[in-house]
C-alpha atoms as a PDB file:
ATOM      1  CA  MET A   1     -21.555  46.036 -13.330  1.00  0.00           C
ATOM      2  CA  ALA A   2     -19.423  43.156 -15.333  1.00  0.00           C
ATOM      3  CA  THR A   3     -18.483  40.364 -12.197  1.00  0.00           C
ATOM      4  CA  THR A   4     -15.964  37.525 -12.181  1.00  0.00           C
ATOM      5  CA  ILE A   5     -15.684  34.896  -9.703  1.00  0.00           C
ATOM      6  CA  ARG A   6     -11.825  34.917  -8.776  1.00  0.00           C
ATOM      7  CA  LEU A   7      -8.912  34.024  -6.257  1.00  0.00           C
ATOM      8  CA  ALA A   8      -8.364  36.117  -3.482  1.00  0.00           C
ATOM      9  CA  ARG A   9      -5.046  35.427  -1.963  1.00  0.00           C
ATOM     10  CA  HIS A  10      -4.611  35.323   2.755  1.00  0.00           C
ATOM     11  CA  GLY A  11      -2.725  33.465   4.537  1.00  0.00           C
ATOM     12  CA  ALA A  12       1.117  33.790   5.274  1.00  0.00           C
ATOM     13  CA  LYS A  13       4.239  33.993   3.157  1.00  0.00           C
ATOM     14  CA  LYS A  14       4.598  31.430   1.554  1.00  0.00           C
ATOM     15  CA  HIS A  15       1.926  29.949   2.856  1.00  0.00           C
ATOM     16  CA  PRO A  16      -1.309  30.248   0.536  1.00  0.00           C
ATOM     17  CA  PHE A  17      -4.893  30.513   1.298  1.00  0.00           C
ATOM     18  CA  TYR A  18      -7.221  31.853  -1.318  1.00  0.00           C
ATOM     19  CA  ARG A  19     -10.685  32.331  -1.139  1.00  0.00           C
ATOM     20  CA  ILE A  20     -12.713  32.494  -3.734  1.00  0.00           C
ATOM     21  CA  VAL A  21     -15.009  35.201  -4.001  1.00  0.00           C
ATOM     22  CA  VAL A  22     -16.830  37.505  -6.718  1.00  0.00           C
ATOM     23  CA  ALA A  23     -15.674  40.960  -7.737  1.00  0.00           C
ATOM     24  CA  ASP A  24     -15.659  43.641 -10.355  1.00  0.00           C
ATOM     25  CA  ARG A  25     -13.571  43.138 -12.540  1.00  0.00           C
ATOM     26  CA  ARG A  26     -12.239  46.415 -11.927  1.00  0.00           C
ATOM     27  CA  ALA A  27     -11.562  46.134  -8.313  1.00  0.00           C
ATOM     28  CA  PRO A  28      -8.299  45.074  -7.202  1.00  0.00           C
ATOM     29  CA  ARG A  29      -6.886  41.147  -6.400  1.00  0.00           C
ATOM     30  CA  SER A  30      -7.482  41.003  -2.954  1.00  0.00           C
ATOM     31  CA  GLY A  31      -9.815  44.330  -2.544  1.00  0.00           C
ATOM     32  CA  ARG A  32     -13.364  45.074  -2.698  1.00  0.00           C
ATOM     33  CA  ARG A  33     -15.540  41.746  -3.185  1.00  0.00           C
ATOM     34  CA  LEU A  34     -19.233  41.363  -3.230  1.00  0.00           C
ATOM     35  CA  ASP A  35     -19.728  37.911  -1.979  1.00  0.00           C
ATOM     36  CA  GLN A  36     -17.374  34.944  -0.635  1.00  0.00           C
ATOM     37  CA  ILE A  37     -18.470  31.785  -1.869  1.00  0.00           C
ATOM     38  CA  GLY A  38     -15.399  28.940  -1.560  1.00  0.00           C
ATOM     39  CA  THR A  39     -12.286  28.514  -0.417  1.00  0.00           C
ATOM     40  CA  TYR A  40      -9.134  26.989  -1.862  1.00  0.00           C
ATOM     41  CA  ASP A  41      -6.265  25.287   0.049  1.00  0.00           C
ATOM     42  CA  PRO A  42      -3.387  23.973  -2.055  1.00  0.00           C
ATOM     43  CA  SER A  43      -0.911  23.666   0.896  1.00  0.00           C
ATOM     44  CA  GLN A  44      -2.946  20.497   1.861  1.00  0.00           C
ATOM     45  CA  ASP A  45      -2.339  17.157  -0.196  1.00  0.00           C
ATOM     46  CA  PRO A  46      -4.572  16.512  -2.070  1.00  0.00           C
ATOM     47  CA  PRO A  47      -5.401  20.713  -2.241  1.00  0.00           C
ATOM     48  CA  LYS A  48      -8.995  21.033  -1.234  1.00  0.00           C
ATOM     49  CA  VAL A  49     -11.828  23.150  -2.735  1.00  0.00           C
ATOM     50  CA  ILE A  50     -14.338  24.327  -0.899  1.00  0.00           C
ATOM     51  CA  LEU A  51     -17.599  25.677  -2.816  1.00  0.00           C
ATOM     52  CA  GLU A  52     -21.037  26.478  -1.726  1.00  0.00           C
ATOM     53  CA  GLU A  53     -23.028  25.243  -4.814  1.00  0.00           C
ATOM     54  CA  GLU A  54     -26.237  27.097  -4.660  1.00  0.00           C
ATOM     55  CA  LYS A  55     -24.510  30.755  -4.553  1.00  0.00           C
ATOM     56  CA  LEU A  56     -22.383  29.218  -7.205  1.00  0.00           C
ATOM     57  CA  ALA A  57     -24.917  28.616  -9.871  1.00  0.00           C
ATOM     58  CA  LEU A  58     -26.653  31.863  -8.432  1.00  0.00           C
ATOM     59  CA  TRP A  59     -23.896  34.198  -9.723  1.00  0.00           C
ATOM     60  CA  LEU A  60     -23.485  32.060 -12.620  1.00  0.00           C
ATOM     61  CA  ARG A  61     -27.036  33.015 -13.551  1.00  0.00           C
ATOM     62  CA  ARG A  62     -26.248  36.588 -13.120  1.00  0.00           C
ATOM     63  CA  GLY A  63     -23.623  36.357 -15.683  1.00  0.00           C
ATOM     64  CA  ALA A  64     -20.628  36.460 -13.698  1.00  0.00           C
ATOM     65  CA  ARG A  65     -17.458  34.612 -14.956  1.00  0.00           C
ATOM     66  CA  PRO A  66     -15.134  32.848 -13.853  1.00  0.00           C
ATOM     67  CA  SER A  67     -11.327  33.580 -14.366  1.00  0.00           C
ATOM     68  CA  LEU A  68      -9.736  30.799 -15.788  1.00  0.00           C
ATOM     69  CA  THR A  69      -8.196  29.379 -12.658  1.00  0.00           C
ATOM     70  CA  VAL A  70     -11.291  29.467 -10.733  1.00  0.00           C
ATOM     71  CA  SER A  71     -13.393  27.339 -13.973  1.00  0.00           C
ATOM     72  CA  GLN A  72     -10.594  24.590 -13.550  1.00  0.00           C
ATOM     73  CA  LEU A  73     -10.956  24.435  -9.569  1.00  0.00           C
ATOM     74  CA  ILE A  74     -14.815  23.945 -10.559  1.00  0.00           C
ATOM     75  CA  LYS A  75     -14.643  21.308 -12.818  1.00  0.00           C
ATOM     76  CA  ARG A  76     -12.028  19.585 -10.822  1.00  0.00           C
ATOM     77  CA  GLY A  77     -14.094  19.797  -7.582  1.00  0.00           C
ATOM     78  CA  GLY A  78     -16.566  17.962  -9.356  1.00  0.00           C
ATOM     79  CA  PHE A  79     -19.344  20.561  -9.586  1.00  0.00           C
ATOM     80  CA  SER A  80     -20.710  19.156 -13.328  1.00  0.00           C
ATOM     81  CA  GLY A  81     -24.094  19.756 -12.668  1.00  0.00           C
ATOM     82  CA  LEU A  82     -23.898  23.171 -13.817  1.00  0.00           C
ATOM     83  CA  ALA A  83     -24.498  24.381 -16.965  1.00  0.00           C
ATOM     84  CA  GLN A  84     -21.105  23.924 -19.033  1.00  0.00           C
ATOM     85  CA  ARG A  85     -21.615  27.317 -20.911  1.00  0.00           C
ATOM     86  CA  HIS A  86     -21.185  28.952 -17.512  1.00  0.00           C
ATOM     87  CA  LEU A  87     -18.071  27.568 -16.655  1.00  0.00           C
ATOM     88  CA  ASP A  88     -15.942  27.780 -19.894  1.00  0.00           C
ATOM     89  CA  PRO A  89     -13.982  31.216 -18.977  1.00  0.00           C
ATOM     90  CA  VAL A  90     -13.532  33.879 -22.040  1.00  0.00           C
ATOM     91  CA  GLN A  91      -9.996  33.307 -23.563  1.00  0.00           C
ATOM     92  CA  PRO A  92      -8.252  36.410 -24.687  1.00  0.00           C
ATOM     93  CA  THR A  93      -7.843  36.120 -28.823  1.00  0.00           C
ATOM     94  CA  LEU A  94      -4.121  37.075 -30.324  1.00  0.00           C
ATOM     95  CA  ASP A  95      -5.541  37.459 -33.678  1.00  0.00           C
ATOM     96  CA  PRO A  96      -6.716  41.158 -34.443  1.00  0.00           C
ATOM     97  CA  ALA A  97      -9.212  39.748 -37.173  1.00  0.00           C
ATOM     98  CA  ALA A  98     -11.584  38.576 -34.711  1.00  0.00           C
ATOM     99  CA  HIS A  99     -12.149  41.404 -33.017  1.00  0.00           C
ATOM    100  CA  ALA A 100     -12.829  43.415 -36.176  1.00  0.00           C
ATOM    101  CA  GLY A 101     -15.376  40.498 -37.423  1.00  0.00           C
ATOM    102  CA  ILE A 102     -13.605  39.879 -40.429  1.00  0.00           C
ATOM    103  CA  PRO A 103     -12.715  36.029 -40.871  1.00  0.00           C
ATOM    104  CA  ALA A 104      -9.544  34.515 -40.418  1.00  0.00           C
ATOM    105  CA  PRO A 105      -7.576  33.364 -43.556  1.00  0.00           C
ATOM    106  CA  ASP A 106      -7.570  29.710 -43.798  1.00  0.00           C
ATOM    107  CA  PRO A 107      -3.585  28.420 -42.991  1.00  0.00           C
ATOM    108  CA  GLY A 108      -3.752  26.047 -45.852  1.00  0.00           C
ATOM    109  CA  GLU A 109      -4.402  28.533 -48.416  1.00  0.00           C
ATOM    110  CA  ALA A 110      -2.065  30.280 -50.526  1.00  0.00           C
ATOM    111  CA  GLN A 111      -2.159  34.716 -49.912  1.00  0.00           C
ATOM    112  CA  THR A 112      -1.586  36.290 -53.872  1.00  0.00           C
END
């Protein structure tokens, strides 16, 4: 089962409050979750991030991948004790050659 660490929106209209959750990638944004590992409150100044570091490390070891936003929150929150390779989210590529295993052409080379 592919899992992701992402934000689930809660709170009132125009007053967001997010829970940092571990969920199946196919589940809806605020739907079924496997575990809650923290919270994020952007309405405070500065925004407040609370993470349970043990749960975060456990899910990262199990193979859960953080979303781009969550990985930025983790880095900003000072949880750098975790392995850096776990915090880098998978970035989608726009180059179709990367998916086919074909090396991309060098932009400095002339096409013939």
